Amino acid sequence: MLNTVLAKVFGTSNERAVKRLLPTVAQINALEPDIHALSDEQLRAKTAEFRQRVLDSVLVHEVAHLTYPDHSRAFHRLAGAYPRHDDAGLFLAGYGLGLSNPVP
């Protein structure tokens, strides 16, 4: 009974998770018209660019792990120093891959 009332007031954990992700979904959806406007050749080039971003992000993350294996603030400063690190993270998150879901 109490759980039902709390869920009505605050929402379920799934509803809160979806609400937290909606801004990211909006950002990704805003990119759709630009992607649709690309020719096949431009899309192939963009795909290669995305792959390079992901590879760069993974390399930066691994170097940061070798330097600071404890995920300290210094680790996050080093990983965040790469300007495209967040972009690659969003790209991976868009495919359901992230820190909790490693690349297969």
C-alpha atoms as a PDB file:
ATOM      1  CA  MET A   1       0.000   0.000   0.000  1.00  0.00           C
ATOM      2  CA  LEU A   2       2.748   2.447   0.972  1.00  0.00           C
ATOM      3  CA  ASN A   3       4.780   1.493  -2.120  1.00  0.00           C
ATOM      4  CA  THR A   4       1.788   2.213  -4.338  1.00  0.00           C
ATOM      5  CA  VAL A   5       1.299   5.650  -2.813  1.00  0.00           C
ATOM      6  CA  LEU A   6       5.010   6.461  -3.124  1.00  0.00           C
ATOM      7  CA  ALA A   7       5.007   5.297  -6.749  1.00  0.00           C
ATOM      8  CA  LYS A   8       2.038   7.560  -7.487  1.00  0.00           C
ATOM      9  CA  VAL A   9       3.764  10.565  -5.898  1.00  0.00           C
ATOM     10  CA  PHE A  10       7.364  10.069  -7.016  1.00  0.00           C
ATOM     11  CA  GLY A  11       6.979   7.616  -9.893  1.00  0.00           C
ATOM     12  CA  THR A  12       8.522   4.188 -10.195  1.00  0.00           C
ATOM     13  CA  SER A  13      12.269   3.771 -10.572  1.00  0.00           C
ATOM     14  CA  ASN A  14      11.747   3.015 -14.270  1.00  0.00           C
ATOM     15  CA  GLU A  15       9.718   6.191 -14.765  1.00  0.00           C
ATOM     16  CA  ARG A  16      12.422   8.237 -13.044  1.00  0.00           C
ATOM     17  CA  ALA A  17      15.118   6.609 -15.205  1.00  0.00           C
ATOM     18  CA  VAL A  18      13.172   7.369 -18.391  1.00  0.00           C
ATOM     19  CA  LYS A  19      12.608  10.964 -17.263  1.00  0.00           C
ATOM     20  CA  ARG A  20      16.342  11.343 -16.596  1.00  0.00           C
ATOM     21  CA  LEU A  21      17.183  10.058 -20.103  1.00  0.00           C
ATOM     22  CA  LEU A  22      14.669  12.217 -22.015  1.00  0.00           C
ATOM     23  CA  PRO A  23      17.071  15.184 -22.492  1.00  0.00           C
ATOM     24  CA  THR A  24      19.674  12.856 -24.017  1.00  0.00           C
ATOM     25  CA  VAL A  25      17.051  11.327 -26.297  1.00  0.00           C
ATOM     26  CA  ALA A  26      16.024  14.826 -27.390  1.00  0.00           C
ATOM     27  CA  GLN A  27      19.651  15.703 -28.196  1.00  0.00           C
ATOM     28  CA  ILE A  28      20.075  12.550 -30.261  1.00  0.00           C
ATOM     29  CA  ASN A  29      16.748  13.055 -32.051  1.00  0.00           C
ATOM     30  CA  ALA A  30      17.752  16.634 -32.915  1.00  0.00           C
ATOM     31  CA  LEU A  31      20.624  15.202 -34.981  1.00  0.00           C
ATOM     32  CA  GLU A  32      18.313  13.102 -37.158  1.00  0.00           C
ATOM     33  CA  PRO A  33      17.548  15.721 -39.867  1.00  0.00           C
ATOM     34  CA  ASP A  34      21.275  16.359 -40.373  1.00  0.00           C
ATOM     35  CA  ILE A  35      21.969  12.640 -40.785  1.00  0.00           C
ATOM     36  CA  HIS A  36      19.074  12.177 -43.223  1.00  0.00           C
ATOM     37  CA  ALA A  37      20.437  15.018 -45.359  1.00  0.00           C
ATOM     38  CA  LEU A  38      23.768  13.220 -45.904  1.00  0.00           C
ATOM     39  CA  SER A  39      24.506  11.387 -49.131  1.00  0.00           C
ATOM     40  CA  ASP A  40      25.571   7.740 -49.011  1.00  0.00           C
ATOM     41  CA  GLU A  41      29.230   8.712 -49.368  1.00  0.00           C
ATOM     42  CA  GLN A  42      28.984  11.362 -46.653  1.00  0.00           C
ATOM     43  CA  LEU A  43      27.261   8.855 -44.381  1.00  0.00           C
ATOM     44  CA  ARG A  44      30.093   6.357 -44.927  1.00  0.00           C
ATOM     45  CA  ALA A  45      32.604   9.077 -43.999  1.00  0.00           C
ATOM     46  CA  LYS A  46      30.547  10.007 -40.924  1.00  0.00           C
ATOM     47  CA  THR A  47      30.470   6.351 -39.861  1.00  0.00           C
ATOM     48  CA  ALA A  48      34.262   6.193 -40.123  1.00  0.00           C
ATOM     49  CA  GLU A  49      34.463   9.386 -38.042  1.00  0.00           C
ATOM     50  CA  PHE A  50      32.204   7.858 -35.359  1.00  0.00           C
ATOM     51  CA  ARG A  51      34.320   4.711 -35.260  1.00  0.00           C
ATOM     52  CA  GLN A  52      37.447   6.822 -34.774  1.00  0.00           C
ATOM     53  CA  ARG A  53      35.769   8.778 -31.959  1.00  0.00           C
ATOM     54  CA  VAL A  54      34.839   5.564 -30.180  1.00  0.00           C
ATOM     55  CA  LEU A  55      38.340   4.152 -30.647  1.00  0.00           C
ATOM     56  CA  ASP A  56      39.876   7.386 -29.343  1.00  0.00           C
ATOM     57  CA  SER A  57      37.545   7.350 -26.341  1.00  0.00           C
ATOM     58  CA  VAL A  58      38.374   3.749 -25.519  1.00  0.00           C
ATOM     59  CA  LEU A  59      42.105   4.458 -25.819  1.00  0.00           C
ATOM     60  CA  VAL A  60      41.856   7.511 -23.556  1.00  0.00           C
ATOM     61  CA  HIS A  61      39.835   5.513 -21.045  1.00  0.00           C
ATOM     62  CA  GLU A  62      42.371   2.680 -21.041  1.00  0.00           C
ATOM     63  CA  VAL A  63      45.326   5.057 -20.635  1.00  0.00           C
ATOM     64  CA  ALA A  64      43.484   6.714 -17.762  1.00  0.00           C
ATOM     65  CA  HIS A  65      42.955   3.257 -16.212  1.00  0.00           C
ATOM     66  CA  LEU A  66      46.650   2.454 -16.497  1.00  0.00           C
ATOM     67  CA  THR A  67      47.530   5.759 -14.854  1.00  0.00           C
ATOM     68  CA  TYR A  68      44.754   5.891 -12.228  1.00  0.00           C
ATOM     69  CA  PRO A  69      43.186   2.432 -11.751  1.00  0.00           C
ATOM     70  CA  ASP A  70      40.982   3.609  -8.866  1.00  0.00           C
ATOM     71  CA  HIS A  71      38.602   5.910 -10.820  1.00  0.00           C
ATOM     72  CA  SER A  72      39.697   8.822  -8.664  1.00  0.00           C
ATOM     73  CA  ARG A  73      39.118  12.469  -9.533  1.00  0.00           C
ATOM     74  CA  ALA A  74      42.465  12.453 -11.314  1.00  0.00           C
ATOM     75  CA  PHE A  75      41.186   9.584 -13.511  1.00  0.00           C
ATOM     76  CA  HIS A  76      38.130  11.590 -14.524  1.00  0.00           C
ATOM     77  CA  ARG A  77      40.223  14.716 -15.163  1.00  0.00           C
ATOM     78  CA  LEU A  78      42.543  12.745 -17.445  1.00  0.00           C
ATOM     79  CA  ALA A  79      39.704  10.981 -19.272  1.00  0.00           C
ATOM     80  CA  GLY A  80      37.772  14.238 -19.572  1.00  0.00           C
ATOM     81  CA  ALA A  81      40.786  16.081 -20.985  1.00  0.00           C
ATOM     82  CA  TYR A  82      40.097  14.472 -24.347  1.00  0.00           C
ATOM     83  CA  PRO A  83      37.595  16.891 -25.934  1.00  0.00           C
ATOM     84  CA  ARG A  84      35.584  14.251 -27.788  1.00  0.00           C
ATOM     85  CA  HIS A  85      35.384  11.822 -24.864  1.00  0.00           C
ATOM     86  CA  ASP A  86      31.819  12.845 -23.970  1.00  0.00           C
ATOM     87  CA  ASP A  87      30.746  12.740 -27.622  1.00  0.00           C
ATOM     88  CA  ALA A  88      31.963   9.175 -27.912  1.00  0.00           C
ATOM     89  CA  GLY A  89      30.212   8.303 -24.673  1.00  0.00           C
ATOM     90  CA  LEU A  90      26.923   9.653 -26.042  1.00  0.00           C
ATOM     91  CA  PHE A  91      27.493   7.714 -29.256  1.00  0.00           C
ATOM     92  CA  LEU A  92      28.036   4.515 -27.282  1.00  0.00           C
ATOM     93  CA  ALA A  93      25.021   5.235 -25.080  1.00  0.00           C
ATOM     94  CA  GLY A  94      22.914   5.656 -28.216  1.00  0.00           C
ATOM     95  CA  TYR A  95      23.690   2.051 -29.070  1.00  0.00           C
ATOM     96  CA  GLY A  96      22.968   0.824 -25.549  1.00  0.00           C
ATOM     97  CA  LEU A  97      26.657   0.557 -24.803  1.00  0.00           C
ATOM     98  CA  GLY A  98      28.291   2.317 -21.928  1.00  0.00           C
ATOM     99  CA  LEU A  99      30.147   1.693 -18.730  1.00  0.00           C
ATOM    100  CA  SER A 100      27.632  -0.927 -17.604  1.00  0.00           C
ATOM    101  CA  ASN A 101      27.322  -2.521 -21.073  1.00  0.00           C
ATOM    102  CA  PRO A 102      30.766  -3.102 -22.565  1.00  0.00           C
ATOM    103  CA  VAL A 103      31.331  -3.305 -26.302  1.00  0.00           C
ATOM    104  CA  PRO A 104      30.900  -6.954 -27.421  1.00  0.00           C
END
